[in-house]
């Protein structure tokens, strides 16, 4: 099974968020690394965020720091499996828009990518992603209840 990490799960891993990372990392470690991909859309979201921040910086120290963040972002994505945004994903995106699926553009691109490749999206944003027909979604930051025996 293949999993596509939404941007929120990627950020949790990158920052090792103390309240969410332990649970998420335990779940990730239960699978081989090849089971996980990150969408190029996630890279786009993060790069756009850093670029917006950089564009507001005026002093040299802040500019240098922002370019450092760009370098760290590039390094973080250099060693991951990227899921490309394909022509098939773009077509599925358009179909979902015609069906009036109303979630953010970037989330819908991630969802379309997962649908055309039959990936499960790992996200904390279940409210939005569950609106996408046929999309498999899970939140690995929450503790799963034990099944009764």
N, C-alpha and C. Protein backbone atom coordinates (compact mmCIF):
# COMPACT_ATOMS: atom_id res chain seq x y z
N UNK A 1 0.85 -1.18 0.00
CA UNK A 1 0.00 0.00 0.00
C UNK A 1 0.89 1.24 0.00
N UNK A 2 0.45 2.24 -0.73
CA UNK A 2 1.23 3.49 -0.79
C UNK A 2 0.45 4.61 -0.11
N UNK A 3 1.20 5.47 0.55
CA UNK A 3 0.61 6.59 1.28
C UNK A 3 1.20 7.89 0.76
N UNK A 4 0.34 8.87 0.60
CA UNK A 4 0.75 10.21 0.19
C UNK A 4 0.58 11.13 1.38
N UNK A 5 1.67 11.69 1.87
CA UNK A 5 1.61 12.56 3.04
C UNK A 5 1.14 13.95 2.63
N UNK A 6 0.09 14.42 3.28
CA UNK A 6 -0.35 15.79 3.10
C UNK A 6 0.67 16.71 3.75
N UNK A 7 0.60 17.95 3.37
CA UNK A 7 1.57 18.94 3.86
C UNK A 7 1.60 18.99 5.38
N UNK A 8 0.46 18.85 6.04
CA UNK A 8 0.47 18.95 7.50
C UNK A 8 1.28 17.82 8.14
N UNK A 9 1.20 16.60 7.59
CA UNK A 9 1.99 15.50 8.12
C UNK A 9 3.49 15.71 7.82
N UNK A 10 3.79 16.25 6.66
CA UNK A 10 5.19 16.53 6.31
C UNK A 10 5.79 17.54 7.29
N UNK A 11 5.04 18.59 7.60
CA UNK A 11 5.53 19.62 8.51
C UNK A 11 5.75 19.03 9.91
N UNK A 12 4.88 18.15 10.34
CA UNK A 12 5.05 17.52 11.65
C UNK A 12 6.37 16.75 11.70
N UNK A 13 6.68 16.03 10.62
CA UNK A 13 7.94 15.28 10.56
C UNK A 13 9.12 16.25 10.50
N UNK A 14 9.03 17.27 9.66
CA UNK A 14 10.13 18.22 9.52
C UNK A 14 10.45 18.92 10.83
N UNK A 15 9.43 19.30 11.55
CA UNK A 15 9.63 20.07 12.80
C UNK A 15 9.73 19.18 14.03
N UNK A 16 9.46 17.88 13.85
CA UNK A 16 9.40 16.96 14.97
C UNK A 16 8.53 17.53 16.09
N UNK A 17 7.34 17.97 15.71
CA UNK A 17 6.39 18.58 16.66
C UNK A 17 6.19 17.68 17.87
N UNK A 18 6.51 18.18 19.07
CA UNK A 18 6.51 17.32 20.25
C UNK A 18 5.16 16.69 20.58
N UNK A 19 4.08 17.37 20.27
CA UNK A 19 2.77 16.82 20.62
C UNK A 19 2.25 15.82 19.59
N UNK A 20 2.74 15.84 18.35
CA UNK A 20 2.21 14.98 17.30
C UNK A 20 3.23 14.02 16.69
N UNK A 21 4.49 14.40 16.71
CA UNK A 21 5.52 13.60 16.05
C UNK A 21 5.67 12.19 16.63
N UNK A 22 5.65 12.00 17.95
CA UNK A 22 5.86 10.65 18.47
C UNK A 22 4.85 9.63 17.93
N UNK A 23 3.58 9.97 17.93
CA UNK A 23 2.56 9.06 17.41
C UNK A 23 2.74 8.83 15.92
N UNK A 24 2.95 9.90 15.17
CA UNK A 24 3.11 9.79 13.73
C UNK A 24 4.35 8.95 13.39
N UNK A 25 5.46 9.20 14.04
CA UNK A 25 6.68 8.45 13.73
C UNK A 25 6.52 6.97 14.06
N UNK A 26 5.80 6.64 15.14
CA UNK A 26 5.56 5.22 15.47
C UNK A 26 4.81 4.54 14.33
N UNK A 27 3.82 5.22 13.80
CA UNK A 27 3.04 4.65 12.69
C UNK A 27 3.88 4.53 11.43
N UNK A 28 4.66 5.56 11.12
CA UNK A 28 5.50 5.53 9.92
C UNK A 28 6.53 4.39 9.99
N UNK A 29 7.07 4.15 11.17
CA UNK A 29 8.09 3.12 11.34
C UNK A 29 7.54 1.70 11.16
N UNK A 30 6.23 1.55 11.14
CA UNK A 30 5.62 0.23 10.96
C UNK A 30 5.58 -0.17 9.48
N UNK A 31 6.06 0.69 8.61
CA UNK A 31 6.02 0.44 7.17
C UNK A 31 7.39 0.69 6.56
N UNK A 32 7.67 0.05 5.43
CA UNK A 32 8.92 0.36 4.74
C UNK A 32 8.89 1.78 4.17
N UNK A 33 10.03 2.45 4.15
CA UNK A 33 10.07 3.83 3.64
C UNK A 33 9.51 3.99 2.23
N UNK A 34 9.62 2.95 1.41
CA UNK A 34 9.13 3.03 0.04
C UNK A 34 7.61 3.14 -0.05
N UNK A 35 6.91 2.92 1.06
CA UNK A 35 5.45 3.04 1.06
C UNK A 35 4.98 4.49 1.06
N UNK A 36 5.89 5.44 1.27
CA UNK A 36 5.50 6.83 1.45
C UNK A 36 6.00 7.73 0.33
N UNK A 37 5.11 8.61 -0.09
CA UNK A 37 5.46 9.61 -1.10
C UNK A 37 4.98 10.97 -0.60
N UNK A 38 5.58 11.99 -1.18
CA UNK A 38 5.16 13.37 -0.90
C UNK A 38 4.85 14.00 -2.24
N UNK A 39 3.77 14.70 -2.30
CA UNK A 39 3.35 15.34 -3.55
C UNK A 39 4.23 16.54 -3.87
N UNK A 40 4.49 16.72 -5.15
CA UNK A 40 5.19 17.93 -5.59
C UNK A 40 4.39 19.17 -5.18
N UNK A 41 3.09 19.00 -5.00
CA UNK A 41 2.23 20.10 -4.56
C UNK A 41 2.64 20.55 -3.16
N UNK A 42 3.00 19.61 -2.31
CA UNK A 42 3.47 19.95 -0.96
C UNK A 42 4.75 20.78 -1.04
N UNK A 43 5.66 20.37 -1.92
CA UNK A 43 6.88 21.17 -2.11
C UNK A 43 6.50 22.58 -2.57
N UNK A 44 5.57 22.68 -3.50
CA UNK A 44 5.11 23.98 -3.99
C UNK A 44 4.56 24.83 -2.85
N UNK A 45 3.71 24.22 -2.01
CA UNK A 45 3.13 24.96 -0.89
C UNK A 45 4.21 25.51 0.04
N UNK A 46 5.18 24.67 0.37
CA UNK A 46 6.22 25.10 1.29
C UNK A 46 7.13 26.14 0.66
N UNK A 47 7.51 25.93 -0.59
CA UNK A 47 8.37 26.90 -1.27
C UNK A 47 7.67 28.24 -1.41
N UNK A 48 6.38 28.23 -1.71
CA UNK A 48 5.62 29.47 -1.84
C UNK A 48 5.56 30.22 -0.51
N UNK A 49 5.42 29.46 0.57
CA UNK A 49 5.40 30.10 1.88
C UNK A 49 6.72 30.78 2.21
N UNK A 50 7.83 30.08 1.95
CA UNK A 50 9.13 30.68 2.22
C UNK A 50 9.41 31.85 1.29
N UNK A 51 8.95 31.75 0.05
CA UNK A 51 9.15 32.85 -0.89
C UNK A 51 8.38 34.09 -0.43
N UNK A 52 7.15 33.90 0.02
CA UNK A 52 6.37 35.04 0.51
C UNK A 52 7.06 35.70 1.70
N UNK A 53 7.58 34.88 2.59
CA UNK A 53 8.30 35.42 3.74
C UNK A 53 9.55 36.17 3.30
N UNK A 54 10.29 35.59 2.38
CA UNK A 54 11.51 36.22 1.87
C UNK A 54 11.19 37.57 1.22
N UNK A 55 10.10 37.63 0.50
CA UNK A 55 9.73 38.87 -0.19
C UNK A 55 9.41 40.00 0.79
N UNK A 56 9.06 39.66 2.02
CA UNK A 56 8.76 40.69 3.03
C UNK A 56 10.00 41.10 3.82
N UNK A 57 11.06 40.33 3.71
CA UNK A 57 12.28 40.62 4.47
C UNK A 57 13.00 41.82 3.87
N UNK A 58 13.52 42.66 4.73
CA UNK A 58 14.25 43.85 4.26
C UNK A 58 15.68 43.90 4.76
N UNK A 59 15.93 43.38 5.96
CA UNK A 59 17.29 43.46 6.48
C UNK A 59 18.09 42.23 6.05
N UNK A 60 19.40 42.41 5.94
CA UNK A 60 20.29 41.38 5.41
C UNK A 60 20.23 40.09 6.23
N UNK A 61 20.18 40.20 7.56
CA UNK A 61 20.16 39.01 8.40
C UNK A 61 18.92 38.17 8.11
N UNK A 62 17.76 38.80 7.98
CA UNK A 62 16.52 38.07 7.69
C UNK A 62 16.53 37.45 6.29
N UNK A 63 17.11 38.16 5.34
CA UNK A 63 17.20 37.62 3.98
C UNK A 63 18.10 36.39 3.97
N UNK A 64 19.25 36.48 4.62
CA UNK A 64 20.17 35.34 4.69
C UNK A 64 19.48 34.16 5.38
N UNK A 65 18.79 34.41 6.47
CA UNK A 65 18.08 33.35 7.20
C UNK A 65 17.02 32.71 6.31
N UNK A 66 16.29 33.51 5.56
CA UNK A 66 15.24 32.98 4.68
C UNK A 66 15.83 32.11 3.57
N UNK A 67 16.95 32.54 2.99
CA UNK A 67 17.60 31.70 1.99
C UNK A 67 18.11 30.40 2.61
N UNK A 68 18.51 30.45 3.85
CA UNK A 68 18.89 29.23 4.56
C UNK A 68 17.72 28.27 4.67
N UNK A 69 16.54 28.81 4.92
CA UNK A 69 15.34 27.97 4.98
C UNK A 69 15.05 27.35 3.62
N UNK A 70 15.25 28.11 2.55
CA UNK A 70 15.10 27.55 1.21
C UNK A 70 16.06 26.38 1.00
N UNK A 71 17.30 26.54 1.43
CA UNK A 71 18.29 25.47 1.30
C UNK A 71 17.87 24.22 2.07
N UNK A 72 17.37 24.41 3.29
CA UNK A 72 16.93 23.28 4.10
C UNK A 72 15.73 22.59 3.46
N UNK A 73 14.84 23.38 2.87
CA UNK A 73 13.68 22.81 2.20
C UNK A 73 14.12 21.96 1.01
N UNK A 74 15.01 22.49 0.21
CA UNK A 74 15.51 21.74 -0.94
C UNK A 74 16.18 20.44 -0.50
N UNK A 75 16.99 20.51 0.55
CA UNK A 75 17.66 19.32 1.06
C UNK A 75 16.65 18.29 1.58
N UNK A 76 15.61 18.76 2.26
CA UNK A 76 14.60 17.86 2.80
C UNK A 76 13.87 17.10 1.70
N UNK A 77 13.66 17.75 0.57
CA UNK A 77 12.92 17.12 -0.51
C UNK A 77 13.83 16.35 -1.48
N UNK A 78 15.13 16.49 -1.33
CA UNK A 78 16.06 15.83 -2.26
C UNK A 78 16.04 14.31 -2.11
N UNK A 79 15.73 13.83 -0.92
CA UNK A 79 15.81 12.39 -0.66
C UNK A 79 14.46 11.71 -0.46
N UNK A 80 13.38 12.32 -0.90
CA UNK A 80 12.07 11.70 -0.74
C UNK A 80 11.52 11.28 -2.10
N UNK A 81 10.59 10.34 -2.04
CA UNK A 81 9.88 9.95 -3.25
C UNK A 81 8.81 11.00 -3.53
N UNK A 82 8.91 11.65 -4.65
CA UNK A 82 7.91 12.65 -5.01
C UNK A 82 6.85 12.05 -5.91
N UNK A 83 5.62 12.39 -5.64
CA UNK A 83 4.51 12.05 -6.52
C UNK A 83 4.26 13.25 -7.41
N UNK A 84 4.49 13.08 -8.69
CA UNK A 84 4.31 14.18 -9.64
C UNK A 84 2.84 14.51 -9.83
N UNK A 85 2.57 15.72 -10.20
CA UNK A 85 1.21 16.14 -10.58
C UNK A 85 1.10 15.91 -12.08
N UNK A 86 0.44 14.84 -12.45
CA UNK A 86 0.39 14.38 -13.83
C UNK A 86 -0.81 14.95 -14.59
N UNK A 87 -0.83 14.69 -15.89
CA UNK A 87 -1.98 15.08 -16.71
C UNK A 87 -3.24 14.37 -16.23
N UNK A 88 -3.09 13.12 -15.79
CA UNK A 88 -4.25 12.38 -15.26
C UNK A 88 -4.77 13.02 -13.98
N UNK A 89 -3.85 13.46 -13.13
CA UNK A 89 -4.26 14.14 -11.89
C UNK A 89 -4.96 15.46 -12.21
N UNK A 90 -4.44 16.19 -13.19
CA UNK A 90 -5.07 17.46 -13.58
C UNK A 90 -6.48 17.22 -14.12
N UNK A 91 -6.63 16.15 -14.88
CA UNK A 91 -7.97 15.82 -15.40
C UNK A 91 -8.92 15.46 -14.26
N UNK A 92 -8.42 14.66 -13.31
CA UNK A 92 -9.26 14.29 -12.16
C UNK A 92 -9.60 15.52 -11.33
N UNK A 93 -8.65 16.44 -11.18
CA UNK A 93 -8.88 17.71 -10.49
C UNK A 93 -10.06 18.44 -11.15
N UNK A 94 -10.01 18.57 -12.47
CA UNK A 94 -11.09 19.26 -13.20
C UNK A 94 -12.43 18.56 -13.00
N UNK A 95 -12.43 17.24 -13.01
CA UNK A 95 -13.67 16.48 -12.78
C UNK A 95 -14.22 16.75 -11.39
N UNK A 96 -13.35 16.78 -10.40
CA UNK A 96 -13.78 17.04 -9.03
C UNK A 96 -14.34 18.45 -8.88
N UNK A 97 -13.75 19.41 -9.55
CA UNK A 97 -14.28 20.78 -9.53
C UNK A 97 -15.68 20.82 -10.16
N UNK A 98 -15.85 20.08 -11.25
CA UNK A 98 -17.17 20.02 -11.91
C UNK A 98 -18.21 19.37 -11.01
N UNK A 99 -17.75 18.46 -10.15
CA UNK A 99 -18.65 17.81 -9.18
C UNK A 99 -18.91 18.71 -7.97
N UNK A 100 -18.33 19.89 -7.99
CA UNK A 100 -18.49 20.88 -6.93
C UNK A 100 -17.87 20.46 -5.59
N UNK A 101 -16.76 19.73 -5.67
CA UNK A 101 -16.00 19.43 -4.46
C UNK A 101 -15.29 20.73 -4.08
N UNK A 102 -15.65 21.27 -2.95
CA UNK A 102 -15.18 22.60 -2.56
C UNK A 102 -14.17 22.52 -1.42
N UNK A 103 -12.94 22.22 -1.80
CA UNK A 103 -11.84 22.30 -0.85
C UNK A 103 -10.75 23.13 -1.53
N UNK A 104 -9.73 23.49 -0.80
CA UNK A 104 -8.67 24.32 -1.34
C UNK A 104 -8.00 23.69 -2.56
N UNK A 105 -7.52 24.55 -3.43
CA UNK A 105 -6.91 24.10 -4.68
C UNK A 105 -5.75 23.15 -4.43
N UNK A 106 -4.86 23.48 -3.54
CA UNK A 106 -3.70 22.63 -3.30
C UNK A 106 -4.13 21.28 -2.71
N UNK A 107 -5.08 21.29 -1.78
CA UNK A 107 -5.58 20.04 -1.22
C UNK A 107 -6.25 19.20 -2.30
N UNK A 108 -6.98 19.83 -3.19
CA UNK A 108 -7.65 19.09 -4.25
C UNK A 108 -6.63 18.51 -5.24
N UNK A 109 -5.55 19.22 -5.48
CA UNK A 109 -4.48 18.67 -6.33
C UNK A 109 -3.84 17.45 -5.68
N UNK A 110 -3.61 17.53 -4.38
CA UNK A 110 -3.06 16.38 -3.65
C UNK A 110 -4.05 15.22 -3.72
N UNK A 111 -5.31 15.50 -3.51
CA UNK A 111 -6.34 14.45 -3.57
C UNK A 111 -6.41 13.82 -4.96
N UNK A 112 -6.37 14.63 -5.99
CA UNK A 112 -6.43 14.12 -7.36
C UNK A 112 -5.23 13.22 -7.65
N UNK A 113 -4.06 13.63 -7.17
CA UNK A 113 -2.86 12.82 -7.34
C UNK A 113 -3.04 11.46 -6.67
N UNK A 114 -3.56 11.47 -5.46
CA UNK A 114 -3.78 10.22 -4.72
C UNK A 114 -4.82 9.34 -5.42
N UNK A 115 -5.87 9.94 -5.92
CA UNK A 115 -6.92 9.16 -6.58
C UNK A 115 -6.42 8.44 -7.82
N UNK A 116 -5.67 9.12 -8.66
CA UNK A 116 -5.23 8.49 -9.91
C UNK A 116 -4.17 7.41 -9.66
N UNK A 117 -3.55 7.42 -8.50
CA UNK A 117 -2.53 6.41 -8.19
C UNK A 117 -2.98 5.43 -7.11
N UNK A 118 -4.20 5.60 -6.62
CA UNK A 118 -4.76 4.74 -5.58
C UNK A 118 -3.92 4.79 -4.30
N UNK A 119 -3.49 5.99 -3.91
CA UNK A 119 -2.77 6.20 -2.66
C UNK A 119 -3.76 6.58 -1.56
N UNK A 120 -3.40 6.32 -0.33
CA UNK A 120 -4.12 6.81 0.83
C UNK A 120 -3.44 8.09 1.29
N UNK A 121 -4.23 9.14 1.50
CA UNK A 121 -3.68 10.42 1.95
C UNK A 121 -3.61 10.40 3.47
N UNK A 122 -2.44 10.72 4.00
CA UNK A 122 -2.26 10.88 5.45
C UNK A 122 -2.35 12.37 5.75
N UNK A 123 -3.35 12.74 6.55
CA UNK A 123 -3.61 14.15 6.82
C UNK A 123 -4.34 14.31 8.14
N UNK A 124 -4.20 15.49 8.72
CA UNK A 124 -5.02 15.86 9.88
C UNK A 124 -6.29 16.56 9.41
N UNK A 125 -6.32 16.93 8.15
CA UNK A 125 -7.43 17.70 7.58
C UNK A 125 -8.50 16.77 7.01
N UNK A 126 -9.05 15.92 7.86
CA UNK A 126 -10.06 14.98 7.41
C UNK A 126 -11.34 15.67 6.95
N UNK A 127 -11.67 16.79 7.56
CA UNK A 127 -12.90 17.50 7.20
C UNK A 127 -12.93 17.83 5.71
N UNK A 128 -11.84 18.33 5.19
CA UNK A 128 -11.80 18.66 3.76
C UNK A 128 -11.60 17.43 2.89
N UNK A 129 -10.60 16.63 3.19
CA UNK A 129 -10.28 15.51 2.31
C UNK A 129 -11.39 14.47 2.24
N UNK A 130 -12.17 14.32 3.30
CA UNK A 130 -13.27 13.36 3.26
C UNK A 130 -14.40 13.81 2.34
N UNK A 131 -14.36 15.03 1.85
CA UNK A 131 -15.35 15.50 0.88
C UNK A 131 -15.07 14.97 -0.52
N UNK A 132 -13.90 14.42 -0.74
CA UNK A 132 -13.50 13.96 -2.07
C UNK A 132 -13.99 12.53 -2.27
N UNK A 133 -14.90 12.32 -3.21
CA UNK A 133 -15.45 10.97 -3.43
C UNK A 133 -14.36 9.97 -3.80
N UNK A 134 -14.38 8.83 -3.10
CA UNK A 134 -13.48 7.74 -3.42
C UNK A 134 -12.08 7.86 -2.84
N UNK A 135 -11.77 8.97 -2.18
CA UNK A 135 -10.43 9.18 -1.64
C UNK A 135 -10.30 8.47 -0.30
N UNK A 136 -9.20 7.74 -0.15
CA UNK A 136 -8.89 7.09 1.12
C UNK A 136 -8.04 8.05 1.94
N UNK A 137 -8.46 8.33 3.17
CA UNK A 137 -7.73 9.26 4.04
C UNK A 137 -7.60 8.67 5.43
N UNK A 138 -6.48 8.99 6.07
CA UNK A 138 -6.24 8.57 7.46
C UNK A 138 -5.46 9.67 8.15
N UNK A 139 -5.65 9.76 9.46
CA UNK A 139 -4.87 10.69 10.29
C UNK A 139 -4.03 9.85 11.23
N UNK A 140 -2.73 9.84 11.01
CA UNK A 140 -1.84 9.02 11.83
C UNK A 140 -1.29 9.77 13.03
N UNK A 141 -1.78 10.97 13.29
CA UNK A 141 -1.32 11.70 14.46
C UNK A 141 -2.17 11.40 15.68
N UNK A 142 -3.26 10.70 15.49
CA UNK A 142 -4.13 10.35 16.62
C UNK A 142 -3.89 8.91 17.01
N UNK A 143 -4.06 8.66 18.27
CA UNK A 143 -3.91 7.29 18.75
C UNK A 143 -5.11 6.49 18.30
N UNK A 144 -4.84 5.37 17.68
CA UNK A 144 -5.95 4.53 17.23
C UNK A 144 -6.44 3.70 18.40
N UNK A 145 -7.76 3.67 18.58
CA UNK A 145 -8.29 2.88 19.70
C UNK A 145 -8.01 1.39 19.49
N UNK A 146 -7.77 0.72 20.59
CA UNK A 146 -7.53 -0.71 20.49
C UNK A 146 -8.83 -1.42 20.18
N UNK A 147 -8.72 -2.45 19.35
CA UNK A 147 -9.91 -3.21 18.98
C UNK A 147 -10.24 -4.19 20.10
N UNK A 148 -11.56 -4.35 20.38
CA UNK A 148 -11.94 -5.30 21.42
C UNK A 148 -11.56 -6.72 21.01
N UNK A 149 -11.21 -7.52 21.99
CA UNK A 149 -10.81 -8.91 21.68
C UNK A 149 -11.95 -9.85 21.89
